[in-house]
Amino acid sequence: MNFLRLARCLAVILVMQFPFASLSQERSSDTVQLLDRARRLSDDARGLKPLDEIPLQARLADTVWNLDQPLGERLLLRSLELTIAQLKNSSVIDPASSSPDPQILFAQISSIAAKHDEKLEKKLKERWQEAVAPLAEKGSEAKSDPTQLAQLLLTQSANYLKSDEQRARQLFRQSVSHRVLQDHSVFLMNQRKGAAAITDTLFSDTLDVLAQRPLADANEVLVLSSYLFSPDESLAYVAISGYNTANVAGNTSAVPKSPALARRYLALLFSKMNPGEQLPPAVAYFALKNHLPQYQVFAPNLLTDVYAKMANLLPGVSKFDSAMFESAHKDVTASEPEATADWEKRIQNADKIAKEDRRDLEYYTIVFGYLLPKKDFTRATLFASRVNNQELKEKMSDLVNLTVLQANLEKPEATSLVTESDCNKLKVPLVRVMALSSLGKARLKEKATGDALRLFGQAIAEADKIKEDQDRLQAKLMLVQLSLDVNSSSGFERATEIFKAVNQFSDFNMNRSYFAVRVTVYGMTSEEPISPPSESSLVSTVAKMCRVNCEETFQVSGLLEKKELRLWATFVAIRTGLRENSREASNRLP
């Protein structure tokens, strides 16, 4: 009796296990196929120029590492050897060249190795030093871009911060030794909210590094002021002597969380504010002037010296620089009611400006600087209609109406008020495409699939009227992504057409993802950004397609004739497919 009961239990277990085993086998088969594609992609990439092949092999190594470490190592070593060859072939980097220098490429390769295998990272560094040493002895070591190195090392430091604070601190010091950037200040301000102790240590390390080397420019020390003294943790810039200067007119009235760090910073600021080729006298003067209240509280022992230095700097301050400082200082320190009052005064006086082009500039500034951010759509529409220049008037009116339309679509109670006629009133083709696409997406959310498809079809027809090639193709790629949510077959058909069209434009940017309308006002050209209803780059389109049908995505990507473009599209599909397999496998776990 017990034997029969046991046999029945085993039968039930086997029946239950079989489908799971089958699913696991299928998933494993998909992954194996994707890894085979990765190997073929690596082989194909050898036909690219070295500077194009290196990042592709390195990114591919990072993608496959957890599934096939030996393959990942081979690809990374291939990237390293190509980089070393590039180093030897280009011992002097042309500062005007847009090509990445070997030191930056190696830093990216090293960061991938560090992410997966510290022993391999050490091995790669040793190999790199062997290659660099002979060049250094000959005095022909390649000069790297300090800004790029600083950014890369900052990223690596951030990646280690939770797992290895000492390693993070070491990388951060290396980063600021190359250059202190706005990114460092923003990173520190964001990081301090959750980890004050280590962030204060990183800030302290930055002060130590800057004290031991000359400044590349004044902003290296000025951007750090926000960490201590900015009430809203922001940076403010103003042009002083032609130099876009940080925090010389911003609000620095906050009480610092660390008085000790404030004292050290103020001492460093005083010691570094010496006029020279990279530091105009006016910049040094206003930097000290804007921090006088903090000197009075936290470094009173320096106050006499600060006043003396400012007196020596004052003769080098022009009336124009003084006016720029006063205007900027007033803007950033004004209360919200004061700022609103200033804008309202400008609105009252705008019509009184005699010159038409100058008056148009004022209308433009009021609409995009005040009324639209405030969502005062009624007055924004009114002032756009008053513009004299017909082309500017048309573009401003369309942008205002698109903003109103998209704002209404975000409100469930107002969505039904938006109609196709609202879209068809718009005259700028790019803006009209965005309106039709936004409305179609809203109808799709309402389960009105037929309406959504019709609107997307209209948008595609309108996209043909967009003159700029990049914008036209991007708009169509955006519509491919929207269409995939409705009908995958239709979406892939459209993708096939657009990928073929991309072949006609050698300068197409596969990573570009933003839209903007270019306007000319008062002799100046500016771009007003548009919020699209979906992503629009070729990279994001390939990823979206692969989430729907990866095999068909590979076929469509193969239509791209430019080899570099085709291989990167294939890489994105492989990466997306592997990520989807991993996600599905996690979901299957009990």
Protein backbone atom coordinates (compact mmCIF):
# COMPACT_ATOMS: atom_id res chain seq x y z
CA MET A 1 0.00 0.00 0.00
CA ASN A 2 2.79 2.42 0.87
CA PHE A 3 4.61 1.47 -2.33
CA LEU A 4 1.54 2.33 -4.47
CA ARG A 5 1.09 5.68 -2.68
CA LEU A 6 4.79 6.47 -3.28
CA ALA A 7 4.51 5.56 -6.99
CA ARG A 8 1.50 7.88 -7.41
CA CYS A 9 3.39 10.72 -5.70
CA LEU A 10 6.38 10.21 -7.99
CA ALA A 11 4.12 10.25 -11.05
CA VAL A 12 2.55 13.53 -9.95
CA ILE A 13 6.00 15.04 -9.33
CA LEU A 14 7.24 14.00 -12.78
CA VAL A 15 4.14 15.40 -14.51
CA MET A 16 4.54 18.68 -12.65
CA GLN A 17 8.25 18.90 -13.36
CA PHE A 18 8.02 18.18 -17.08
CA PRO A 19 6.58 21.51 -18.28
CA PHE A 20 9.05 23.46 -16.14
CA ALA A 21 11.94 21.44 -17.55
CA SER A 22 10.64 22.11 -21.05
CA LEU A 23 10.41 25.85 -20.43
CA SER A 24 13.91 25.88 -18.95
CA GLN A 25 15.24 24.00 -21.97
CA GLU A 26 13.54 26.44 -24.36
CA ARG A 27 14.89 29.44 -22.49
CA SER A 28 18.37 27.91 -22.51
CA SER A 29 18.09 27.35 -26.26
CA ASP A 30 17.17 31.02 -26.83
CA THR A 31 20.14 32.14 -24.77
CA VAL A 32 22.49 29.80 -26.64
CA GLN A 33 21.30 31.25 -29.95
CA LEU A 34 21.83 34.79 -28.72
CA LEU A 35 25.35 33.92 -27.54
CA ASP A 36 26.06 32.43 -30.97
CA ARG A 37 24.92 35.72 -32.48
CA ALA A 38 27.23 37.54 -30.07
CA ARG A 39 30.20 35.47 -31.30
CA ARG A 40 29.31 36.19 -34.93
CA LEU A 41 28.89 39.87 -34.11
CA SER A 42 32.35 39.93 -32.54
CA ASP A 43 33.81 38.35 -35.68
CA ASP A 44 31.98 40.83 -37.94
CA ALA A 45 33.19 43.75 -35.81
CA ARG A 46 36.79 42.94 -36.79
CA GLY A 47 36.03 44.55 -40.12
CA LEU A 48 35.42 47.94 -38.47
CA LYS A 49 38.02 50.61 -37.89
CA PRO A 50 39.77 50.04 -34.52
CA LEU A 51 38.20 53.09 -32.86
CA ASP A 52 34.76 51.78 -33.88
CA GLU A 53 35.50 48.17 -32.97
CA ILE A 54 36.95 48.77 -29.50
CA PRO A 55 33.80 50.09 -27.74
CA LEU A 56 31.59 47.51 -29.48
CA GLN A 57 33.76 44.56 -28.38
CA ALA A 58 33.98 45.97 -24.84
CA ARG A 59 30.22 46.53 -24.52
CA LEU A 60 29.57 43.07 -25.94
CA ALA A 61 31.96 41.58 -23.38
CA ASP A 62 30.04 43.28 -20.57
CA THR A 63 26.75 41.97 -21.97
CA VAL A 64 27.70 38.28 -22.25
CA TRP A 65 30.00 38.02 -19.21
CA ASN A 66 27.59 36.45 -16.74
CA LEU A 67 26.49 33.85 -19.30
CA ASP A 68 29.83 33.05 -20.95
CA GLN A 69 32.79 34.41 -18.99
CA PRO A 70 35.50 32.98 -21.30
CA LEU A 71 33.84 34.74 -24.25
CA GLY A 72 33.60 37.97 -22.26
CA GLU A 73 37.30 37.78 -21.36
CA ARG A 74 38.32 37.18 -24.98
CA LEU A 75 36.33 40.14 -26.19
CA LEU A 76 37.73 42.39 -23.49
CA LEU A 77 41.30 41.31 -24.20
CA ARG A 78 40.67 41.97 -27.89
CA SER A 79 39.56 45.50 -26.98
CA LEU A 80 42.67 46.01 -24.87
CA GLU A 81 45.10 44.87 -27.59
CA LEU A 82 43.40 47.13 -30.14
CA THR A 83 43.65 50.03 -27.71
CA ILE A 84 47.35 49.39 -27.12
CA ALA A 85 47.90 49.29 -30.89
CA GLN A 86 46.04 52.58 -31.17
CA LEU A 87 48.22 54.04 -28.43
CA LYS A 88 51.39 53.09 -30.29
CA ASN A 89 50.07 54.40 -33.61
CA SER A 90 48.95 57.75 -32.23
CA SER A 91 51.52 58.81 -29.64
CA VAL A 92 50.39 62.42 -29.91
CA ILE A 93 46.68 63.12 -29.72
CA ASP A 94 45.37 66.00 -31.79
CA PRO A 95 43.38 68.22 -29.39
CA ALA A 96 41.08 69.16 -32.27
CA SER A 97 40.30 65.53 -33.07
CA SER A 98 36.93 64.11 -32.04
CA SER A 99 38.35 60.57 -31.79
CA PRO A 100 38.48 59.08 -28.27
CA ASP A 101 42.02 58.88 -26.97
CA PRO A 102 43.50 55.52 -25.91
CA GLN A 103 43.63 56.41 -22.21
CA ILE A 104 39.86 56.97 -22.18
CA LEU A 105 39.26 53.74 -24.07
CA PHE A 106 41.43 51.81 -21.63
CA ALA A 107 39.65 53.35 -18.64
CA GLN A 108 36.33 52.10 -20.05
CA ILE A 109 37.75 48.61 -20.62
CA SER A 110 39.24 48.57 -17.12
CA SER A 111 35.92 49.59 -15.56
CA ILE A 112 34.18 46.63 -17.23
CA ALA A 113 36.88 44.25 -15.98
CA ALA A 114 36.59 45.70 -12.46
CA LYS A 115 32.85 45.12 -12.54
CA HIS A 116 33.27 41.39 -13.17
CA ASP A 117 36.74 40.21 -12.15
CA GLU A 118 39.25 42.18 -10.05
CA LYS A 119 42.08 39.80 -10.95
CA LEU A 120 41.49 40.41 -14.63
CA GLU A 121 41.34 44.16 -13.97
CA LYS A 122 44.78 43.95 -12.35
CA LYS A 123 46.10 41.90 -15.26
CA LEU A 124 44.81 44.44 -17.79
CA LYS A 125 46.36 47.34 -15.87
CA GLU A 126 49.72 45.61 -15.78
CA ARG A 127 49.53 45.00 -19.53
CA TRP A 128 48.60 48.64 -20.08
CA GLN A 129 51.49 49.91 -17.97
CA GLU A 130 53.89 47.74 -19.96
CA ALA A 131 52.62 49.38 -23.14
CA VAL A 132 52.68 52.91 -21.77
CA ALA A 133 56.12 52.78 -20.14
CA PRO A 134 58.24 52.87 -23.35
CA LEU A 135 56.22 55.80 -24.67
CA ALA A 136 56.62 57.69 -21.41
CA GLU A 137 60.40 57.15 -21.53
CA LYS A 138 60.48 58.65 -25.04
CA GLY A 139 58.39 61.60 -23.89
CA SER A 140 55.63 60.73 -26.32
CA GLU A 141 52.94 59.50 -23.97
CA ALA A 142 49.48 60.29 -25.30
CA LYS A 143 47.77 63.20 -23.62
CA SER A 144 44.25 62.40 -22.46
CA ASP A 145 41.26 64.65 -22.11
CA PRO A 146 41.12 65.41 -18.35
CA THR A 147 37.39 66.14 -18.46
CA GLN A 148 36.55 62.75 -19.97
CA LEU A 149 38.85 60.95 -17.54
CA ALA A 150 37.33 62.81 -14.60
CA GLN A 151 33.80 61.88 -15.69
CA LEU A 152 34.71 58.24 -16.24
CA LEU A 153 36.44 57.89 -12.88
CA LEU A 154 33.51 59.61 -11.16
CA THR A 155 31.16 57.01 -12.66
CA GLN A 156 33.41 54.19 -11.46
CA SER A 157 33.58 55.73 -7.99
CA ALA A 158 29.79 55.91 -7.81
CA ASN A 159 29.53 52.23 -8.77
CA TYR A 160 31.79 51.22 -5.84
CA LEU A 161 30.28 53.49 -3.22
CA LYS A 162 27.90 50.95 -1.71
CA SER A 163 30.19 47.93 -1.88
CA ASP A 164 33.68 49.31 -1.26
CA GLU A 165 33.98 52.81 0.19
CA GLN A 166 37.77 52.79 0.17
CA ARG A 167 37.87 51.91 -3.52
CA ALA A 168 35.21 54.55 -4.21
CA ARG A 169 37.21 57.15 -2.34
CA GLN A 170 40.39 56.27 -4.23
CA LEU A 171 38.64 56.59 -7.59
CA PHE A 172 37.01 59.86 -6.56
CA ARG A 173 40.38 61.37 -5.64
CA GLN A 174 41.75 60.25 -9.00
CA SER A 175 38.77 61.84 -10.70
CA VAL A 176 39.12 65.27 -9.08
CA SER A 177 42.88 65.17 -9.60
CA HIS A 178 42.17 65.38 -13.33
CA ARG A 179 39.42 68.00 -13.16
CA VAL A 180 36.66 69.11 -10.77
CA LEU A 181 33.42 69.39 -12.74
CA GLN A 182 29.86 70.45 -12.16
CA ASP A 183 29.09 66.71 -12.17
CA HIS A 184 31.15 66.29 -8.99
CA SER A 185 29.16 68.97 -7.20
CA VAL A 186 25.81 67.52 -8.31
CA PHE A 187 26.92 64.00 -7.35
CA LEU A 188 28.01 65.14 -3.88
CA MET A 189 24.79 67.06 -3.24
CA ASN A 190 22.65 64.08 -4.26
CA GLN A 191 24.77 61.58 -2.36
CA ARG A 192 24.77 63.53 0.88
CA LYS A 193 21.03 63.00 1.34
CA GLY A 194 21.55 59.31 2.08
CA ALA A 195 25.19 58.99 3.15
CA ALA A 196 26.41 62.19 4.77
CA ALA A 197 29.58 60.82 6.38
CA ILE A 198 31.25 59.33 3.32
CA THR A 199 30.09 62.24 1.15
CA ASP A 200 31.66 64.77 3.51
CA THR A 201 34.83 62.71 3.30
CA LEU A 202 34.77 62.85 -0.50
CA PHE A 203 34.24 66.62 -0.34
CA SER A 204 37.16 66.92 2.07
CA ASP A 205 39.32 64.86 -0.29
CA THR A 206 38.40 67.23 -3.11
CA LEU A 207 39.59 70.22 -1.08
CA ASP A 208 42.86 68.42 -0.36
CA VAL A 209 43.45 67.66 -4.04
CA LEU A 210 42.68 71.22 -5.19
CA ALA A 211 44.98 72.65 -2.53
CA GLN A 212 47.86 70.68 -4.01
CA ARG A 213 47.51 71.67 -7.68
CA PRO A 214 46.74 74.77 -9.76
CA LEU A 215 43.20 75.35 -10.99
CA ALA A 216 42.39 74.58 -14.61
CA ASP A 217 39.68 77.23 -14.31
CA ALA A 218 37.88 79.13 -11.57
CA ASN A 219 34.80 76.92 -11.70
CA GLU A 220 36.77 73.99 -10.29
CA VAL A 221 36.52 75.57 -6.86
CA LEU A 222 33.38 77.66 -7.38
CA VAL A 223 31.06 74.73 -8.24
CA LEU A 224 31.83 73.24 -4.82
CA SER A 225 30.20 76.20 -3.07
CA SER A 226 26.74 74.76 -3.72
CA TYR A 227 27.48 71.70 -1.57
CA LEU A 228 27.83 73.93 1.48
CA PHE A 229 25.93 77.14 0.87
CA SER A 230 23.13 76.64 -1.69
CA PRO A 231 19.67 76.62 -0.04
CA ASP A 232 18.14 74.57 -2.86
CA GLU A 233 21.27 72.58 -3.80
CA SER A 234 21.64 74.21 -7.19
CA LEU A 235 24.31 75.93 -9.24
CA ALA A 236 23.86 79.40 -10.75
CA TYR A 237 25.91 80.71 -13.66
CA VAL A 238 26.49 84.21 -14.95
CA ALA A 239 28.81 85.59 -17.64
CA ILE A 240 31.58 87.65 -16.04
CA SER A 241 34.32 88.99 -18.35
CA GLY A 242 33.15 86.52 -20.98
CA TYR A 243 33.56 83.61 -18.56
CA ASN A 244 30.52 81.49 -17.65
CA THR A 245 31.10 81.58 -13.91
CA ALA A 246 29.47 79.40 -11.25
CA ASN A 247 28.12 80.71 -7.96
CA VAL A 248 29.54 84.24 -8.09
CA ALA A 249 26.04 85.70 -8.04
CA GLY A 250 24.00 82.76 -6.79
CA ASN A 251 22.24 82.35 -3.47
CA THR A 252 24.91 81.23 -1.00
CA SER A 253 22.97 81.98 2.17
CA ALA A 254 22.42 78.44 3.48
CA VAL A 255 23.87 77.42 6.82
CA PRO A 256 26.42 74.68 6.04
CA LYS A 257 25.84 71.30 7.65
CA SER A 258 29.56 71.06 8.40
CA PRO A 259 31.10 74.31 9.72
CA ALA A 260 34.54 72.70 9.65
CA LEU A 261 34.26 71.98 5.94
CA ALA A 262 32.91 75.49 5.37
CA ARG A 263 36.01 77.00 7.01
CA ARG A 264 38.32 74.85 4.91
CA TYR A 265 36.45 75.68 1.71
CA LEU A 266 36.50 79.42 2.38
CA ALA A 267 40.23 79.28 3.04
CA LEU A 268 40.79 77.41 -0.22
CA LEU A 269 38.58 79.85 -2.14
CA PHE A 270 40.58 82.79 -0.78
CA SER A 271 43.90 81.19 -1.69
CA LYS A 272 42.81 80.32 -5.24
CA MET A 273 41.13 83.59 -6.23
CA ASN A 274 44.23 85.13 -7.78
CA PRO A 275 43.80 86.82 -11.16
CA GLY A 276 45.65 85.37 -14.12
CA GLU A 277 45.21 84.11 -17.64
CA GLN A 278 42.55 81.58 -16.59
CA LEU A 279 40.94 83.77 -13.91
CA PRO A 280 39.81 87.34 -14.76
CA PRO A 281 39.99 89.85 -11.88
CA ALA A 282 36.22 90.38 -11.96
CA VAL A 283 35.58 86.65 -11.46
CA ALA A 284 37.84 86.57 -8.40
CA TYR A 285 36.29 89.79 -7.04
CA PHE A 286 32.66 88.67 -7.30
CA ALA A 287 33.46 85.16 -6.06
CA LEU A 288 34.78 86.64 -2.83
CA LYS A 289 32.04 89.28 -2.63
CA ASN A 290 29.27 86.70 -2.97
CA HIS A 291 30.71 84.68 -0.07
CA LEU A 292 31.35 87.61 2.29
CA PRO A 293 28.46 86.70 4.66
CA GLN A 294 29.93 83.19 5.03
CA TYR A 295 33.42 84.59 5.71
CA GLN A 296 31.92 86.81 8.42
CA VAL A 297 30.42 83.81 10.21
CA PHE A 298 32.77 80.89 9.53
CA ALA A 299 36.15 82.44 8.71
CA PRO A 300 36.29 85.84 10.45
CA ASN A 301 40.07 85.47 10.80
CA LEU A 302 40.33 85.80 7.01
CA LEU A 303 37.97 88.74 6.67
CA THR A 304 40.65 91.49 6.71
CA ASP A 305 42.64 89.68 4.04
CA VAL A 306 39.53 89.09 1.95
CA TYR A 307 38.66 92.81 1.98
CA ALA A 308 42.26 93.69 1.06
CA LYS A 309 42.28 91.29 -1.88
CA MET A 310 38.91 92.61 -3.10
CA ALA A 311 40.28 96.18 -2.98
CA ASN A 312 43.20 95.14 -5.15
CA LEU A 313 40.90 93.37 -7.60
CA LEU A 314 38.31 96.16 -7.90
CA PRO A 315 40.18 98.24 -10.54
CA GLY A 316 39.92 95.27 -12.92
CA VAL A 317 36.11 95.09 -12.63
CA SER A 318 34.28 96.76 -15.52
CA LYS A 319 30.93 98.55 -15.28
CA PHE A 320 29.46 95.90 -17.57
CA ASP A 321 30.59 93.09 -15.25
CA SER A 322 29.15 94.97 -12.25
CA ALA A 323 25.82 95.33 -14.04
CA MET A 324 25.79 91.62 -14.93
CA PHE A 325 26.51 90.70 -11.32
CA GLU A 326 23.83 92.97 -9.89
CA SER A 327 21.22 91.73 -12.36
CA ALA A 328 22.03 88.07 -11.78
CA HIS A 329 22.27 88.49 -8.02
CA LYS A 330 18.87 90.15 -7.95
CA ASP A 331 17.33 87.35 -10.03
CA VAL A 332 18.60 84.50 -7.87
CA THR A 333 17.98 86.13 -4.52
CA ALA A 334 14.54 87.53 -5.31
CA SER A 335 11.61 85.93 -3.56
CA GLU A 336 8.90 84.28 -5.64
CA PRO A 337 6.52 87.27 -5.24
CA GLU A 338 9.33 89.62 -6.30
CA ALA A 339 10.15 87.51 -9.36
CA THR A 340 6.49 87.32 -10.32
CA ALA A 341 6.16 91.08 -9.94
CA ASP A 342 9.15 91.59 -12.26
CA TRP A 343 7.63 89.34 -14.91
CA GLU A 344 4.25 91.06 -14.66
CA LYS A 345 5.96 94.41 -15.08
CA ARG A 346 7.64 93.15 -18.23
CA ILE A 347 4.25 91.98 -19.51
CA GLN A 348 2.79 95.43 -18.95
CA ASN A 349 5.65 97.12 -20.78
CA ALA A 350 6.14 94.64 -23.64
CA ASP A 351 3.68 96.34 -26.01
CA LYS A 352 5.44 99.67 -25.49
CA ILE A 353 8.71 98.49 -27.09
CA ALA A 354 9.00 100.42 -30.36
CA LYS A 355 11.24 98.15 -32.46
CA GLU A 356 9.31 95.17 -33.80
CA ASP A 357 12.16 92.64 -33.62
CA ARG A 358 13.03 93.68 -30.06
CA ARG A 359 9.35 93.50 -29.10
CA ASP A 360 9.12 90.01 -30.60
CA LEU A 361 12.08 88.96 -28.47
CA GLU A 362 10.29 90.21 -25.36
CA TYR A 363 7.12 88.30 -26.28
CA TYR A 364 9.20 85.18 -26.91
CA THR A 365 10.98 85.51 -23.56
CA ILE A 366 7.74 86.09 -21.66
CA VAL A 367 5.97 83.12 -23.27
CA PHE A 368 8.73 80.51 -22.84
CA GLY A 369 10.38 81.95 -19.75
CA TYR A 370 7.31 82.68 -17.66
CA LEU A 371 3.84 81.92 -19.00
CA LEU A 372 4.29 78.34 -20.24
CA PRO A 373 6.26 77.18 -17.15
CA LYS A 374 3.49 78.75 -15.09
CA LYS A 375 0.88 76.96 -17.28
CA ASP A 376 -0.80 80.28 -18.01
CA PHE A 377 -1.92 79.04 -21.40
CA THR A 378 -4.45 81.78 -22.06
CA ARG A 379 -1.94 84.60 -21.89
CA ALA A 380 0.74 82.49 -23.61
CA THR A 381 -1.61 82.08 -26.58
CA LEU A 382 -2.37 85.80 -26.56
CA PHE A 383 1.26 86.94 -26.55
CA ALA A 384 2.23 84.43 -29.22
CA SER A 385 -0.46 85.91 -31.44
CA ARG A 386 1.03 89.40 -31.03
CA VAL A 387 4.39 88.48 -32.57
CA ASN A 388 5.07 90.48 -35.73
CA ASN A 389 7.42 88.08 -37.56
CA GLN A 390 5.11 85.60 -39.31
CA GLU A 391 7.41 82.56 -39.16
CA LEU A 392 8.20 83.11 -35.48
CA LYS A 393 4.52 83.71 -34.74
CA GLU A 394 3.54 80.46 -36.45
CA LYS A 395 6.11 78.39 -34.57
CA MET A 396 5.38 79.98 -31.20
CA SER A 397 1.63 79.52 -31.60
CA ASP A 398 2.05 75.88 -32.58
CA LEU A 399 4.34 75.17 -29.64
CA VAL A 400 1.93 76.81 -27.22
CA ASN A 401 -1.04 74.88 -28.68
CA LEU A 402 0.90 71.58 -28.52
CA THR A 403 1.71 72.23 -24.87
CA VAL A 404 -1.98 72.90 -24.16
CA LEU A 405 -3.03 69.77 -26.05
CA GLN A 406 -0.56 67.51 -24.22
CA ALA A 407 -1.50 69.05 -20.86
CA ASN A 408 -5.19 68.23 -21.52
CA LEU A 409 -4.33 64.66 -22.53
CA GLU A 410 -2.71 64.16 -19.13
CA LYS A 411 -6.05 64.89 -17.43
CA PRO A 412 -8.58 62.03 -17.70
CA GLU A 413 -11.48 64.47 -17.47
CA ALA A 414 -10.13 66.60 -20.34
CA THR A 415 -8.93 63.92 -22.78
CA SER A 416 -12.26 63.79 -24.62
CA LEU A 417 -12.05 67.53 -25.27
CA VAL A 418 -9.01 67.03 -27.54
CA THR A 419 -9.95 66.24 -31.14
CA GLU A 420 -8.24 65.69 -34.48
CA SER A 421 -9.20 69.20 -35.53
CA ASP A 422 -6.98 70.54 -32.72
CA CYS A 423 -4.06 68.68 -34.29
CA ASN A 424 -4.86 69.68 -37.85
CA LYS A 425 -4.85 73.39 -36.96
CA LEU A 426 -1.11 73.17 -36.30
CA LYS A 427 1.04 74.32 -39.21
CA VAL A 428 4.56 73.12 -38.37
CA PRO A 429 4.79 69.48 -39.60
CA LEU A 430 6.95 68.24 -36.72
CA VAL A 431 4.60 69.78 -34.15
CA ARG A 432 1.55 68.36 -35.93
CA VAL A 433 3.10 64.87 -35.91
CA MET A 434 3.68 65.15 -32.15
CA ALA A 435 0.07 66.23 -31.61
CA LEU A 436 -1.42 63.38 -33.67
CA SER A 437 0.89 60.86 -32.01
CA SER A 438 0.07 62.12 -28.51
CA LEU A 439 -3.65 61.93 -29.25
CA GLY A 440 -3.26 58.43 -30.72
CA LYS A 441 -1.42 57.24 -27.62
CA ALA A 442 -4.20 58.66 -25.44
CA ARG A 443 -6.86 56.87 -27.51
CA LEU A 444 -4.88 53.65 -27.18
CA LYS A 445 -5.03 53.98 -23.40
CA GLU A 446 -8.80 54.31 -23.73
CA LYS A 447 -8.84 51.00 -25.69
CA ALA A 448 -9.96 52.87 -28.84
CA THR A 449 -7.55 50.85 -30.99
CA GLY A 450 -9.14 51.78 -34.32
CA ASP A 451 -8.89 55.49 -33.59
CA ALA A 452 -5.30 55.08 -32.43
CA LEU A 453 -4.26 53.29 -35.63
CA ARG A 454 -5.93 55.93 -37.79
CA LEU A 455 -4.20 58.75 -35.91
CA PHE A 456 -0.83 57.03 -36.17
CA GLY A 457 -1.43 56.61 -39.91
CA GLN A 458 -2.12 60.32 -40.26
CA ALA A 459 1.00 61.12 -38.27
CA ILE A 460 3.13 58.96 -40.57
CA ALA A 461 1.76 60.79 -43.62
CA GLU A 462 2.50 64.14 -41.96
CA ALA A 463 6.02 63.01 -41.04
CA ASP A 464 6.92 62.96 -44.75
CA LYS A 465 6.50 66.75 -44.75
CA ILE A 466 9.25 67.27 -42.15
CA LYS A 467 12.20 68.83 -43.98
CA GLU A 468 15.04 67.89 -41.62
CA ASP A 469 16.15 64.33 -42.41
CA GLN A 470 17.06 63.36 -38.83
CA ASP A 471 13.78 64.70 -37.43
CA ARG A 472 11.73 63.01 -40.17
CA LEU A 473 13.30 59.59 -39.63
CA GLN A 474 13.15 59.92 -35.86
CA ALA A 475 9.47 60.84 -35.99
CA LYS A 476 8.80 57.70 -38.03
CA LEU A 477 10.83 55.56 -35.61
CA MET A 478 8.76 56.99 -32.77
CA LEU A 479 5.61 55.95 -34.63
CA VAL A 480 7.02 52.44 -35.12
CA GLN A 481 7.30 52.12 -31.35
CA LEU A 482 3.76 53.39 -30.84
CA SER A 483 2.44 51.06 -33.56
CA LEU A 484 4.07 48.02 -31.98
CA ASP A 485 1.77 48.49 -28.99
CA VAL A 486 -1.24 48.14 -31.30
CA ASN A 487 -0.28 45.76 -34.09
CA SER A 488 3.14 44.14 -34.15
CA SER A 489 2.88 43.12 -37.83
CA SER A 490 2.13 46.69 -38.85
CA GLY A 491 4.92 47.94 -36.62
CA PHE A 492 7.53 45.66 -38.20
CA GLU A 493 6.34 46.55 -41.71
CA ARG A 494 6.87 50.23 -40.94
CA ALA A 495 10.23 49.50 -39.35
CA THR A 496 11.34 47.72 -42.52
CA GLU A 497 10.49 50.77 -44.63
CA ILE A 498 12.23 53.20 -42.28
CA PHE A 499 15.40 51.11 -41.84
CA LYS A 500 15.72 51.07 -45.63
CA ALA A 501 15.22 54.85 -45.67
CA VAL A 502 17.98 55.32 -43.10
CA ASN A 503 20.43 53.89 -45.67
CA GLN A 504 20.02 57.05 -47.74
CA PHE A 505 21.55 59.28 -45.05
CA SER A 506 25.17 58.63 -44.11
CA ASP A 507 25.12 61.05 -41.17
CA PHE A 508 22.07 59.59 -39.42
CA ASN A 509 22.53 59.55 -35.63
CA MET A 510 21.17 56.30 -34.20
CA ASN A 511 21.38 57.55 -30.59
CA ARG A 512 19.64 60.92 -30.96
CA SER A 513 16.35 60.92 -29.07
CA TYR A 514 15.17 64.51 -28.68
CA PHE A 515 13.05 66.83 -30.82
CA ALA A 516 13.17 70.61 -30.98
CA VAL A 517 11.80 73.39 -33.14
CA ARG A 518 14.42 75.86 -34.30
CA VAL A 519 13.37 79.49 -34.04
CA THR A 520 15.12 82.71 -34.99
CA VAL A 521 14.36 85.77 -32.91
CA TYR A 522 16.19 89.09 -32.84
CA GLY A 523 18.91 87.64 -35.06
CA MET A 524 19.57 84.76 -32.66
CA THR A 525 18.78 81.10 -33.30
CA SER A 526 17.41 78.97 -30.50
CA GLU A 527 15.80 75.57 -30.13
CA GLU A 528 12.60 74.97 -28.19
CA PRO A 529 12.35 71.32 -27.07
CA ILE A 530 9.26 69.20 -27.71
CA SER A 531 8.07 66.40 -25.45
CA PRO A 532 7.40 63.33 -27.66
CA PRO A 533 4.83 60.71 -26.61
CA SER A 534 7.38 57.92 -27.05
CA GLU A 535 11.10 57.33 -27.43
CA SER A 536 12.40 57.90 -30.93
CA SER A 537 16.03 56.85 -31.38
CA LEU A 538 17.02 53.93 -33.57
CA VAL A 539 18.59 52.28 -30.51
CA SER A 540 15.37 52.45 -28.46
CA THR A 541 13.36 51.27 -31.50
CA VAL A 542 15.51 48.16 -31.92
CA ALA A 543 15.14 47.41 -28.21
CA LYS A 544 11.35 47.82 -28.38
CA MET A 545 11.15 45.61 -31.47
CA CYS A 546 13.23 42.90 -29.80
CA ARG A 547 10.92 42.86 -26.80
CA VAL A 548 8.12 42.03 -29.25
CA ASN A 549 9.94 39.62 -31.60
CA CYS A 550 13.70 39.31 -31.35
CA GLU A 551 14.21 37.05 -34.37
CA GLU A 552 12.33 39.41 -36.69
CA THR A 553 14.31 42.32 -35.22
CA PHE A 554 17.58 40.72 -36.33
CA GLN A 555 16.18 40.37 -39.85
CA VAL A 556 15.07 44.01 -40.03
CA SER A 557 18.35 45.27 -38.51
CA GLY A 558 20.19 43.38 -41.23
CA LEU A 559 18.67 45.81 -43.76
CA LEU A 560 20.95 48.59 -42.51
CA GLU A 561 23.70 48.96 -45.10
CA LYS A 562 26.19 50.98 -43.09
CA LYS A 563 28.21 48.33 -41.27
CA GLU A 564 28.80 50.26 -38.06
CA LEU A 565 25.10 51.09 -37.76
CA ARG A 566 24.05 47.50 -38.52
CA LEU A 567 26.45 45.96 -35.99
CA TRP A 568 25.43 48.35 -33.21
CA ALA A 569 21.75 47.62 -33.93
CA THR A 570 22.55 43.90 -33.72
CA PHE A 571 24.32 44.48 -30.42
CA VAL A 572 21.27 46.27 -28.99
CA ALA A 573 19.05 43.37 -30.08
CA ILE A 574 21.37 40.80 -28.48
CA ARG A 575 21.57 42.78 -25.25
CA THR A 576 17.79 43.22 -25.13
CA GLY A 577 17.16 39.55 -25.88
CA LEU A 578 19.50 38.37 -23.13
CA ARG A 579 17.95 40.77 -20.64
CA GLU A 580 14.45 39.59 -21.54
CA ASN A 581 15.49 35.96 -21.14
CA SER A 582 16.98 36.75 -17.74
CA ARG A 583 13.83 38.59 -16.66
CA GLU A 584 11.57 35.76 -17.81
CA ALA A 585 13.74 33.22 -16.01
CA SER A 586 13.45 35.23 -12.79
CA ASN A 587 9.67 35.37 -13.17
CA ARG A 588 9.52 31.58 -13.53
CA LEU A 589 11.25 31.04 -10.21
CA PRO A 590 8.85 29.90 -7.45
